[in-house]
Amino acid sequence: MARTFMQFFGAARTHKTVPFRITLSETRAFFLKVWCQTDGATAVEYGLLAGLIAVGLAGGLGALADLVNLVFEVVGDETASVADSMSDD
């Protein structure tokens, strides 16, 4: 049977004549149980994965934005040169 935190530190004990003592094995078991808990590990891993994906997307979208900007500049220059050649006639 697992003991609660309050039982470990004596709040649940009301008997006045026998002092509450924690054995070394109980203390060791308590700290091992706390140390080995992995309840939130999956959420942390998913958070780190989402963060890495976001950083990758930010870098990739930055490079894509430069490429799209270059394409629009080329199209704009070609359109301007065609418009200039049509106005010269």
N, C-alpha and C. Protein backbone atom coordinates (compact mmCIF):
# COMPACT_ATOMS: atom_id res chain seq x y z
N MET A 1 0.84 -1.16 0.00
CA MET A 1 0.00 0.00 0.00
C MET A 1 0.90 1.24 0.00
N ALA A 2 0.63 2.15 -0.91
CA ALA A 2 1.43 3.36 -1.02
C ALA A 2 1.03 4.36 0.06
N ARG A 3 2.01 5.00 0.61
CA ARG A 3 1.74 6.01 1.63
C ARG A 3 1.68 7.38 0.99
N THR A 4 0.86 8.24 1.55
CA THR A 4 0.76 9.59 1.03
C THR A 4 1.88 10.45 1.60
N PHE A 5 2.00 11.64 1.06
CA PHE A 5 3.01 12.58 1.53
C PHE A 5 2.80 12.92 3.00
N MET A 6 1.58 13.14 3.40
CA MET A 6 1.29 13.50 4.79
C MET A 6 1.60 12.35 5.74
N GLN A 7 1.40 11.12 5.29
CA GLN A 7 1.73 9.98 6.13
C GLN A 7 3.24 9.88 6.31
N PHE A 8 4.00 10.22 5.28
CA PHE A 8 5.45 10.16 5.39
C PHE A 8 5.98 11.15 6.41
N PHE A 9 5.34 12.28 6.54
CA PHE A 9 5.85 13.31 7.43
C PHE A 9 5.05 13.44 8.72
N GLY A 10 4.23 12.47 9.03
CA GLY A 10 3.67 12.36 10.35
C GLY A 10 2.36 13.06 10.60
N ALA A 11 1.75 13.74 9.63
CA ALA A 11 0.51 14.45 9.88
C ALA A 11 -0.66 13.49 10.10
N ALA A 12 -0.56 12.30 9.55
CA ALA A 12 -1.66 11.35 9.70
C ALA A 12 -1.56 10.57 11.02
N ARG A 13 -0.42 10.64 11.69
CA ARG A 13 -0.24 9.93 12.96
C ARG A 13 -0.71 10.81 14.11
N THR A 14 -1.55 10.26 14.97
CA THR A 14 -2.05 11.04 16.11
C THR A 14 -1.65 10.43 17.44
N HIS A 15 -1.05 9.27 17.44
CA HIS A 15 -0.67 8.61 18.68
C HIS A 15 0.49 9.37 19.31
N LYS A 16 0.36 9.80 20.54
CA LYS A 16 1.33 10.68 21.19
C LYS A 16 2.51 9.95 21.80
N THR A 17 2.35 8.69 22.18
CA THR A 17 3.42 8.02 22.91
C THR A 17 4.46 7.41 22.00
N VAL A 18 4.10 7.02 20.80
CA VAL A 18 5.05 6.38 19.89
C VAL A 18 5.43 7.40 18.82
N PRO A 19 6.68 7.78 18.76
CA PRO A 19 7.08 8.76 17.73
C PRO A 19 7.04 8.11 16.35
N PHE A 20 6.71 8.91 15.40
CA PHE A 20 6.65 8.41 14.02
C PHE A 20 8.05 8.40 13.44
N ARG A 21 8.46 7.26 12.93
CA ARG A 21 9.79 7.14 12.34
C ARG A 21 9.67 6.60 10.92
N ILE A 22 10.46 7.16 10.07
CA ILE A 22 10.51 6.68 8.69
C ILE A 22 11.77 5.85 8.55
N THR A 23 11.62 4.66 8.03
CA THR A 23 12.79 3.82 7.85
C THR A 23 13.54 4.24 6.59
N LEU A 24 14.77 3.81 6.50
CA LEU A 24 15.59 4.13 5.34
C LEU A 24 15.00 3.53 4.07
N SER A 25 14.46 2.33 4.16
CA SER A 25 13.88 1.69 2.97
C SER A 25 12.64 2.44 2.50
N GLU A 26 11.83 2.95 3.44
CA GLU A 26 10.65 3.73 3.04
C GLU A 26 11.07 5.04 2.38
N THR A 27 12.09 5.68 2.92
CA THR A 27 12.59 6.92 2.34
C THR A 27 13.14 6.67 0.94
N ARG A 28 13.92 5.61 0.82
CA ARG A 28 14.48 5.25 -0.48
C ARG A 28 13.38 4.95 -1.48
N ALA A 29 12.36 4.21 -1.06
CA ALA A 29 11.25 3.87 -1.95
C ALA A 29 10.50 5.13 -2.39
N PHE A 30 10.31 6.06 -1.46
CA PHE A 30 9.61 7.30 -1.78
C PHE A 30 10.38 8.10 -2.84
N PHE A 31 11.70 8.28 -2.63
CA PHE A 31 12.48 9.07 -3.58
C PHE A 31 12.65 8.37 -4.91
N LEU A 32 12.73 7.05 -4.92
CA LEU A 32 12.79 6.33 -6.19
C LEU A 32 11.48 6.47 -6.95
N LYS A 33 10.38 6.43 -6.24
CA LYS A 33 9.08 6.58 -6.89
C LYS A 33 8.95 7.96 -7.50
N VAL A 34 9.37 8.99 -6.77
CA VAL A 34 9.30 10.36 -7.29
C VAL A 34 10.26 10.52 -8.46
N TRP A 35 11.47 9.98 -8.34
CA TRP A 35 12.48 10.13 -9.37
C TRP A 35 12.10 9.41 -10.67
N CYS A 36 11.40 8.29 -10.57
CA CYS A 36 11.11 7.48 -11.74
C CYS A 36 9.77 7.81 -12.40
N GLN A 37 9.06 8.79 -11.91
CA GLN A 37 7.78 9.13 -12.52
C GLN A 37 8.00 9.71 -13.91
N THR A 38 7.24 9.21 -14.87
CA THR A 38 7.35 9.66 -16.26
C THR A 38 6.01 10.09 -16.82
N ASP A 39 5.11 10.57 -15.98
CA ASP A 39 3.77 10.92 -16.44
C ASP A 39 3.79 12.06 -17.46
N GLY A 40 4.60 13.08 -17.27
CA GLY A 40 4.62 14.22 -18.17
C GLY A 40 5.67 14.15 -19.24
N ALA A 41 6.40 13.05 -19.34
CA ALA A 41 7.50 12.96 -20.29
C ALA A 41 7.00 13.00 -21.73
N THR A 42 5.90 12.35 -22.01
CA THR A 42 5.38 12.34 -23.37
C THR A 42 4.97 13.73 -23.81
N ALA A 43 4.34 14.49 -22.95
CA ALA A 43 3.93 15.85 -23.29
C ALA A 43 5.15 16.72 -23.56
N VAL A 44 6.20 16.55 -22.78
CA VAL A 44 7.43 17.32 -22.99
C VAL A 44 8.05 16.95 -24.33
N GLU A 45 8.07 15.67 -24.65
CA GLU A 45 8.64 15.23 -25.92
C GLU A 45 7.86 15.79 -27.10
N TYR A 46 6.54 15.76 -27.01
CA TYR A 46 5.73 16.33 -28.09
C TYR A 46 5.94 17.84 -28.19
N GLY A 47 6.11 18.51 -27.08
CA GLY A 47 6.38 19.95 -27.11
C GLY A 47 7.70 20.27 -27.78
N LEU A 48 8.73 19.48 -27.45
CA LEU A 48 10.02 19.68 -28.10
C LEU A 48 9.95 19.40 -29.59
N LEU A 49 9.23 18.37 -29.97
CA LEU A 49 9.07 18.03 -31.38
C LEU A 49 8.34 19.14 -32.12
N ALA A 50 7.28 19.68 -31.54
CA ALA A 50 6.54 20.78 -32.16
C ALA A 50 7.43 22.02 -32.28
N GLY A 51 8.25 22.28 -31.28
CA GLY A 51 9.17 23.41 -31.35
C GLY A 51 10.19 23.26 -32.46
N LEU A 52 10.74 22.06 -32.62
CA LEU A 52 11.70 21.83 -33.70
C LEU A 52 11.04 21.96 -35.07
N ILE A 53 9.82 21.49 -35.20
CA ILE A 53 9.09 21.64 -36.47
C ILE A 53 8.86 23.11 -36.76
N ALA A 54 8.50 23.88 -35.74
CA ALA A 54 8.26 25.32 -35.94
C ALA A 54 9.53 26.04 -36.38
N VAL A 55 10.67 25.70 -35.78
CA VAL A 55 11.94 26.31 -36.18
C VAL A 55 12.28 25.94 -37.62
N GLY A 56 12.07 24.68 -37.98
CA GLY A 56 12.32 24.25 -39.35
C GLY A 56 11.41 24.96 -40.35
N LEU A 57 10.14 25.10 -40.00
CA LEU A 57 9.22 25.80 -40.89
C LEU A 57 9.59 27.27 -41.03
N ALA A 58 9.99 27.91 -39.95
CA ALA A 58 10.38 29.32 -40.02
C ALA A 58 11.58 29.50 -40.94
N GLY A 59 12.56 28.64 -40.83
CA GLY A 59 13.72 28.72 -41.72
C GLY A 59 13.36 28.42 -43.16
N GLY A 60 12.55 27.40 -43.36
CA GLY A 60 12.14 27.03 -44.71
C GLY A 60 11.27 28.08 -45.36
N LEU A 61 10.36 28.67 -44.60
CA LEU A 61 9.49 29.70 -45.16
C LEU A 61 10.27 30.97 -45.46
N GLY A 62 11.32 31.24 -44.68
CA GLY A 62 12.17 32.39 -44.98
C GLY A 62 12.87 32.23 -46.32
N ALA A 63 13.39 31.05 -46.57
CA ALA A 63 14.05 30.77 -47.85
C ALA A 63 13.03 30.80 -48.99
N LEU A 64 11.86 30.27 -48.75
CA LEU A 64 10.81 30.27 -49.78
C LEU A 64 10.35 31.69 -50.08
N ALA A 65 10.27 32.53 -49.07
CA ALA A 65 9.87 33.92 -49.28
C ALA A 65 10.88 34.65 -50.16
N ASP A 66 12.15 34.40 -49.96
CA ASP A 66 13.18 35.02 -50.80
C ASP A 66 13.04 34.56 -52.25
N LEU A 67 12.76 33.28 -52.45
CA LEU A 67 12.60 32.75 -53.79
C LEU A 67 11.36 33.34 -54.48
N VAL A 68 10.26 33.43 -53.77
CA VAL A 68 9.04 34.00 -54.35
C VAL A 68 9.25 35.48 -54.67
N ASN A 69 9.96 36.20 -53.80
CA ASN A 69 10.27 37.60 -54.05
C ASN A 69 11.11 37.74 -55.32
N LEU A 70 12.09 36.87 -55.52
CA LEU A 70 12.92 36.89 -56.72
C LEU A 70 12.09 36.63 -57.97
N VAL A 71 11.17 35.68 -57.91
CA VAL A 71 10.31 35.38 -59.06
C VAL A 71 9.46 36.59 -59.41
N PHE A 72 8.88 37.27 -58.43
CA PHE A 72 8.07 38.45 -58.70
C PHE A 72 8.91 39.58 -59.28
N GLU A 73 10.15 39.74 -58.82
CA GLU A 73 11.03 40.76 -59.39
C GLU A 73 11.33 40.48 -60.86
N VAL A 74 11.62 39.21 -61.19
CA VAL A 74 11.90 38.84 -62.58
C VAL A 74 10.67 39.07 -63.44
N VAL A 75 9.51 38.65 -62.97
CA VAL A 75 8.28 38.84 -63.73
C VAL A 75 7.98 40.33 -63.90
N GLY A 76 8.19 41.10 -62.83
CA GLY A 76 7.98 42.55 -62.92
C GLY A 76 8.92 43.22 -63.90
N ASP A 77 10.20 42.82 -63.90
CA ASP A 77 11.17 43.38 -64.83
C ASP A 77 10.80 43.04 -66.27
N GLU A 78 10.41 41.80 -66.51
CA GLU A 78 10.03 41.38 -67.86
C GLU A 78 8.77 42.12 -68.31
N THR A 79 7.82 42.29 -67.41
CA THR A 79 6.60 43.00 -67.75
C THR A 79 6.90 44.47 -68.06
N ALA A 80 7.80 45.07 -67.29
CA ALA A 80 8.19 46.46 -67.54
C ALA A 80 8.90 46.61 -68.87
N SER A 81 9.78 45.65 -69.19
CA SER A 81 10.50 45.73 -70.47
C SER A 81 9.55 45.55 -71.65
N VAL A 82 8.56 44.67 -71.52
CA VAL A 82 7.56 44.49 -72.59
C VAL A 82 6.71 45.76 -72.73
N ALA A 83 6.33 46.34 -71.59
CA ALA A 83 5.53 47.57 -71.64
C ALA A 83 6.34 48.72 -72.25
N ASP A 84 7.64 48.80 -71.95
CA ASP A 84 8.50 49.85 -72.54
C ASP A 84 8.65 49.65 -74.04
N SER A 85 8.82 48.39 -74.45
CA SER A 85 8.99 48.13 -75.89
C SER A 85 7.68 48.41 -76.64
N MET A 86 6.55 48.23 -76.01
CA MET A 86 5.28 48.49 -76.67
C MET A 86 5.02 49.99 -76.74
N SER A 87 5.50 50.75 -75.78
CA SER A 87 5.27 52.20 -75.80
C SER A 87 6.23 52.91 -76.73
N ASP A 88 7.37 52.28 -77.05
CA ASP A 88 8.33 52.89 -77.96
C ASP A 88 7.83 52.85 -79.39
N ASP A 89 6.95 51.91 -79.74
CA ASP A 89 6.48 51.76 -81.14
C ASP A 89 5.56 52.82 -81.52
